[in-house]
Amino acid sequence: MDKATTGWVNGFVGVVIFSGSLPATRVAVMDFDPVFLTVARAAIAGLLALALLLMFREKRPARGDLFSLAIVAFGVVVGFPLLTALALEHVTSAHSIVFVGLLPLATAIFAVLRGGERPRPAFWLFSCLGSALVGGYALSQGVTASPVGDALMLAAIVACGLGYAEGAKLSRRLGGWQVISWALVLSLPVMLVLVFSTMPPSLAGVGGAAWAGLAYVSLFSMLIGFVFWYRGLALGGIAAVGQLQLLQPFFGLVLAASLLHEQVSVSMLVVTLGVVLCVAGARMFAK
């Protein structure tokens, strides 16, 4: 299997894993405070990452890599999880999943700004068309949805795109699982302090579904998914493999409907399909 194909395979596995993140978060915030959920998932994943780094005796990153690791931590360890958790107090996971259609564009923009990639003009045309569909859908919902929830989801997408691109660039030197592990460990001291300061007085009322949601976002969304995702982006190209994120709304909507029994409207499916078709066309012009 050549380098590019390996990148696409790893990227696809990462997308499948990430598809469960928003439904799992939606379940978890029913019983957990969003801030506590964010720091708890980061702390749990950080402890696991620290154990892996010690087990494999990984060399510490160079001082020059610390700024990039801080960007990764800001984008995917804190920013995206916190903003989506806050958003999911206002909107359903099915509604929020549509915004994932903006992630390829956000990732591609930061691939240019931080990764030095230069997609062709046609790539941006298709990507912007897909993004316009997502934005038009959000606006069409008006007051029936939540402006606050939509704004939080947009901010989450920007933070996530930055974290994806920065982590992929760094993965070329450090390796995929090492990047997310070091980013988690870098933020671990602060996360541990915040866990104890935001922990509710009692956890007796937390249901099994919420605990399962916390377990999923801690282990899979925060750690295992990034092992595959960063490796895929590093091998296959950030802008190109980033287009695989357009499959994530499909998988996420299926999970939201089957596990959470949320209503998936025809308009959600049409918008998701339209975004996939538009940005899939951009994949041909990513380089």
Protein backbone atom coordinates (compact mmCIF):
# COMPACT_ATOMS: atom_id res chain seq x y z
CA MET A 1 0.00 0.00 0.00
CA ASP A 2 1.52 3.34 -1.03
CA LYS A 3 1.89 6.38 1.22
CA ALA A 4 -1.16 8.25 -0.09
CA THR A 5 -3.46 5.20 0.17
CA THR A 6 -2.25 4.52 3.71
CA GLY A 7 -3.08 8.13 4.54
CA TRP A 8 -6.62 7.82 3.19
CA VAL A 9 -7.24 4.54 5.05
CA ASN A 10 -6.02 6.00 8.34
CA GLY A 11 -8.05 9.15 7.74
CA PHE A 12 -11.21 7.15 7.08
CA VAL A 13 -10.82 5.17 10.31
CA GLY A 14 -10.34 8.44 12.20
CA VAL A 15 -13.51 9.92 10.69
CA VAL A 16 -15.56 6.84 11.64
CA ILE A 17 -14.35 7.15 15.23
CA PHE A 18 -15.01 10.92 15.36
CA SER A 19 -18.53 10.40 14.03
CA GLY A 20 -19.63 9.19 17.44
CA SER A 21 -18.25 12.24 19.26
CA LEU A 22 -21.22 14.61 19.02
CA PRO A 23 -23.89 11.99 19.84
CA ALA A 24 -21.76 10.78 22.78
CA THR A 25 -21.29 14.37 23.97
CA ARG A 26 -25.01 15.00 23.65
CA VAL A 27 -25.71 12.04 25.92
CA ALA A 28 -23.03 13.06 28.42
CA VAL A 29 -24.17 16.70 28.83
CA MET A 30 -27.60 15.48 29.90
CA ASP A 31 -26.06 14.65 33.30
CA PHE A 32 -22.63 16.34 33.25
CA ASP A 33 -21.84 20.05 33.22
CA PRO A 34 -20.19 20.93 29.86
CA VAL A 35 -17.09 22.43 31.51
CA PHE A 36 -16.63 19.41 33.77
CA LEU A 37 -17.15 17.07 30.82
CA THR A 38 -14.49 18.91 28.81
CA VAL A 39 -11.81 18.84 31.50
CA ALA A 40 -12.68 15.30 32.61
CA ARG A 41 -12.34 13.84 29.11
CA ALA A 42 -9.04 15.68 28.61
CA ALA A 43 -7.71 14.55 32.00
CA ILE A 44 -8.65 10.90 31.44
CA ALA A 45 -7.13 10.89 27.96
CA GLY A 46 -4.09 12.77 29.27
CA LEU A 47 -3.38 10.15 31.92
CA LEU A 48 -3.66 7.40 29.31
CA ALA A 49 -1.39 9.34 26.94
CA LEU A 50 1.20 9.83 29.70
CA ALA A 51 1.20 6.10 30.37
CA LEU A 52 1.75 5.37 26.66
CA LEU A 53 4.62 7.84 26.38
CA LEU A 54 6.32 6.38 29.43
CA MET A 55 5.70 2.82 28.29
CA PHE A 56 7.33 3.41 24.91
CA ARG A 57 9.97 5.75 26.34
CA GLU A 58 9.25 8.44 23.81
CA LYS A 59 11.75 11.26 23.55
CA ARG A 60 10.50 14.63 24.73
CA PRO A 61 9.54 17.09 21.97
CA ALA A 62 11.99 19.85 21.16
CA ARG A 63 11.47 23.26 22.71
CA GLY A 64 10.56 24.62 19.29
CA ASP A 65 7.63 22.16 19.10
CA LEU A 66 5.99 23.38 22.30
CA PHE A 67 4.18 26.29 20.61
CA SER A 68 2.68 23.95 18.00
CA LEU A 69 1.66 21.50 20.71
CA ALA A 70 0.00 24.34 22.60
CA ILE A 71 -2.01 25.20 19.46
CA VAL A 72 -3.07 21.56 19.13
CA ALA A 73 -4.10 21.50 22.79
CA PHE A 74 -6.06 24.73 22.37
CA GLY A 75 -7.83 23.51 19.24
CA VAL A 76 -8.71 19.87 19.90
CA VAL A 77 -8.11 19.22 23.61
CA VAL A 78 -9.97 22.26 24.97
CA GLY A 79 -11.56 24.39 22.22
CA PHE A 80 -13.59 21.93 20.18
CA PRO A 81 -14.75 19.72 23.10
CA LEU A 82 -15.79 22.69 25.27
CA LEU A 83 -17.52 24.66 22.53
CA THR A 84 -19.44 21.64 21.23
CA ALA A 85 -20.46 20.62 24.74
CA LEU A 86 -21.82 24.14 25.33
CA ALA A 87 -23.52 24.13 21.93
CA LEU A 88 -25.22 20.81 22.61
CA GLU A 89 -27.06 22.37 25.54
CA HIS A 90 -28.91 24.46 22.93
CA VAL A 91 -29.15 22.23 19.84
CA THR A 92 -29.50 18.54 19.10
CA SER A 93 -26.55 16.46 17.99
CA ALA A 94 -28.29 15.89 14.64
CA HIS A 95 -28.43 19.67 14.09
CA SER A 96 -24.83 20.20 15.18
CA ILE A 97 -23.52 17.41 12.97
CA VAL A 98 -24.45 19.39 9.86
CA PHE A 99 -21.83 21.97 10.88
CA VAL A 100 -19.17 19.29 10.53
CA GLY A 101 -19.57 19.96 6.82
CA LEU A 102 -17.51 23.12 7.41
CA LEU A 103 -14.54 21.24 8.86
CA PRO A 104 -12.86 20.39 5.52
CA LEU A 105 -12.85 24.07 4.54
CA ALA A 106 -11.56 25.17 7.95
CA THR A 107 -8.87 22.48 7.88
CA ALA A 108 -7.84 23.41 4.33
CA ILE A 109 -7.54 27.10 5.22
CA PHE A 110 -5.23 26.29 8.11
CA ALA A 111 -3.37 23.80 5.91
CA VAL A 112 -2.40 26.81 3.81
CA LEU A 113 -1.72 29.14 6.74
CA ARG A 114 0.12 26.66 8.96
CA GLY A 115 0.99 23.66 6.77
CA GLY A 116 2.27 25.41 3.65
CA GLU A 117 -0.08 23.55 1.25
CA ARG A 118 -1.35 25.24 -1.91
CA PRO A 119 -4.57 23.73 -3.32
CA ARG A 120 -5.68 24.90 -6.77
CA PRO A 121 -8.37 27.61 -7.19
CA ALA A 122 -11.03 25.06 -8.20
CA PHE A 123 -10.60 23.40 -4.82
CA TRP A 124 -11.67 26.58 -3.06
CA LEU A 125 -14.66 26.99 -5.38
CA PHE A 126 -16.07 23.58 -4.47
CA SER A 127 -15.22 23.98 -0.79
CA CYS A 128 -16.92 27.37 -0.58
CA LEU A 129 -20.03 26.02 -2.30
CA GLY A 130 -20.25 23.27 0.30
CA SER A 131 -19.77 25.75 3.11
CA ALA A 132 -22.45 28.03 1.66
CA LEU A 133 -24.92 25.15 1.79
CA VAL A 134 -24.17 24.61 5.47
CA GLY A 135 -24.42 28.31 6.28
CA GLY A 136 -27.66 28.63 4.35
CA TYR A 137 -29.15 25.71 6.22
CA ALA A 138 -28.24 27.21 9.59
CA LEU A 139 -29.78 30.57 8.65
CA SER A 140 -32.91 28.93 7.30
CA GLN A 141 -33.62 27.45 10.72
CA GLY A 142 -34.06 30.94 12.19
CA VAL A 143 -35.42 31.09 15.72
CA THR A 144 -36.59 27.49 15.56
CA ALA A 145 -32.99 26.50 16.25
CA SER A 146 -30.60 28.41 18.51
CA PRO A 147 -28.36 31.30 17.39
CA VAL A 148 -26.20 30.69 20.46
CA GLY A 149 -25.80 27.00 19.66
CA ASP A 150 -24.98 27.74 16.02
CA ALA A 151 -22.40 30.39 16.96
CA LEU A 152 -20.74 27.99 19.38
CA MET A 153 -20.61 25.28 16.73
CA LEU A 154 -19.00 27.67 14.23
CA ALA A 155 -16.35 28.65 16.79
CA ALA A 156 -15.77 24.96 17.51
CA ILE A 157 -15.19 24.26 13.81
CA VAL A 158 -12.57 27.02 13.56
CA ALA A 159 -10.74 25.76 16.64
CA CYS A 160 -10.87 22.18 15.38
CA GLY A 161 -9.60 23.06 11.89
CA LEU A 162 -6.64 24.85 13.44
CA GLY A 163 -5.87 21.93 15.73
CA TYR A 164 -6.14 19.42 12.88
CA ALA A 165 -3.80 21.31 10.55
CA GLU A 166 -1.23 22.13 13.23
CA GLY A 167 -1.21 18.57 14.55
CA ALA A 168 -0.85 17.10 11.06
CA LYS A 169 2.11 19.36 10.32
CA LEU A 170 3.78 18.34 13.58
CA SER A 171 2.99 14.64 12.96
CA ARG A 172 5.42 14.64 10.05
CA ARG A 173 8.22 15.01 12.61
CA LEU A 174 6.89 13.46 15.81
CA GLY A 175 4.36 10.86 14.63
CA GLY A 176 0.56 10.89 14.88
CA TRP A 177 -0.07 9.31 18.27
CA GLN A 178 2.89 11.14 19.78
CA VAL A 179 1.47 14.55 18.81
CA ILE A 180 -1.93 14.09 20.44
CA SER A 181 -0.31 12.37 23.43
CA TRP A 182 2.11 15.24 24.07
CA ALA A 183 -0.67 17.81 23.57
CA LEU A 184 -2.79 16.00 26.15
CA VAL A 185 0.12 15.71 28.60
CA LEU A 186 0.97 19.39 28.12
CA SER A 187 -2.53 20.36 29.23
CA LEU A 188 -2.84 17.63 31.88
CA PRO A 189 -1.78 19.64 34.98
CA VAL A 190 -4.37 22.33 34.29
CA MET A 191 -7.04 19.76 33.41
CA LEU A 192 -6.52 17.84 36.66
CA VAL A 193 -6.88 21.01 38.72
CA LEU A 194 -10.05 21.95 36.83
CA VAL A 195 -11.52 18.46 37.24
CA PHE A 196 -11.48 18.76 41.01
CA SER A 197 -12.63 22.39 41.00
CA THR A 198 -15.59 21.75 38.67
CA MET A 199 -16.60 18.32 39.94
CA PRO A 200 -20.23 18.28 41.11
CA PRO A 201 -20.88 17.64 44.82
CA SER A 202 -22.42 14.27 43.98
CA LEU A 203 -22.24 11.94 40.99
CA ALA A 204 -25.01 9.70 42.26
CA GLY A 205 -27.53 11.07 39.79
CA VAL A 206 -25.39 10.46 36.73
CA GLY A 207 -26.88 7.73 34.55
CA GLY A 208 -25.14 4.90 32.80
CA ALA A 209 -25.60 6.50 29.38
CA ALA A 210 -23.78 9.65 30.50
CA TRP A 211 -20.88 7.59 31.86
CA ALA A 212 -20.72 5.70 28.56
CA GLY A 213 -20.67 9.01 26.69
CA LEU A 214 -17.81 10.26 28.88
CA ALA A 215 -15.89 7.02 28.30
CA TYR A 216 -16.30 7.27 24.54
CA VAL A 217 -15.22 10.89 24.19
CA SER A 218 -12.29 10.34 26.57
CA LEU A 219 -10.88 7.21 24.97
CA PHE A 220 -11.95 7.31 21.33
CA SER A 221 -12.67 10.96 20.50
CA MET A 222 -9.78 12.38 22.49
CA LEU A 223 -7.05 9.82 21.87
CA ILE A 224 -7.57 6.81 19.60
CA GLY A 225 -9.28 8.74 16.79
CA PHE A 226 -6.38 11.18 16.59
CA VAL A 227 -3.85 8.37 16.27
CA PHE A 228 -5.40 7.47 12.91
CA TRP A 229 -6.44 10.98 11.89
CA TYR A 230 -3.12 12.75 12.31
CA ARG A 231 -1.28 9.92 10.60
CA GLY A 232 -3.73 10.10 7.70
CA LEU A 233 -3.36 13.86 7.31
CA ALA A 234 0.43 13.68 7.52
CA LEU A 235 0.72 10.93 4.89
CA GLY A 236 -2.04 11.88 2.45
CA GLY A 237 -2.01 15.68 2.71
CA ILE A 238 -3.96 17.90 5.09
CA ALA A 239 -6.30 19.54 2.56
CA ALA A 240 -6.88 16.34 0.55
CA VAL A 241 -7.50 13.82 3.34
CA GLY A 242 -9.39 16.50 5.23
CA GLN A 243 -12.20 16.07 2.70
CA LEU A 244 -13.00 12.73 4.32
CA GLN A 245 -14.63 14.73 7.08
CA LEU A 246 -17.56 15.17 4.72
CA LEU A 247 -18.48 11.56 5.46
CA GLN A 248 -18.70 12.33 9.16
CA PRO A 249 -22.16 13.98 9.03
CA PHE A 250 -23.60 10.86 7.39
CA PHE A 251 -22.24 8.54 10.07
CA GLY A 252 -23.17 10.99 12.83
CA LEU A 253 -26.74 11.43 11.64
CA VAL A 254 -27.18 7.66 11.56
CA LEU A 255 -25.95 7.42 15.14
CA ALA A 256 -28.10 10.34 16.30
CA ALA A 257 -31.20 8.74 14.79
CA SER A 258 -30.50 5.14 15.86
CA LEU A 259 -29.05 5.66 19.34
CA LEU A 260 -30.60 8.93 20.52
CA HIS A 261 -33.86 8.66 18.55
CA GLU A 262 -33.40 12.24 17.36
CA GLN A 263 -35.36 13.41 14.34
CA VAL A 264 -33.26 13.67 11.19
CA SER A 265 -35.17 15.91 8.82
CA VAL A 266 -35.15 15.67 5.06
CA SER A 267 -33.50 19.10 4.88
CA MET A 268 -30.61 17.87 7.08
CA LEU A 269 -30.02 14.94 4.73
CA VAL A 270 -30.27 17.11 1.62
CA VAL A 271 -27.79 19.66 2.98
CA THR A 272 -25.40 16.94 4.11
CA LEU A 273 -25.56 15.25 0.71
CA GLY A 274 -25.06 18.55 -1.10
CA VAL A 275 -22.02 19.41 1.00
CA VAL A 276 -20.51 15.98 0.40
CA LEU A 277 -20.95 16.31 -3.37
CA CYS A 278 -19.50 19.83 -3.48
CA VAL A 279 -16.44 19.19 -1.40
CA ALA A 280 -15.84 15.73 -2.87
CA GLY A 281 -15.34 17.58 -6.14
CA ALA A 282 -12.76 19.76 -4.41
CA ARG A 283 -10.73 16.68 -3.51
CA MET A 284 -9.61 16.32 -7.12
CA PHE A 285 -8.06 19.78 -7.01
CA ALA A 286 -6.47 19.63 -3.56
CA LYS A 287 -2.95 19.59 -5.03
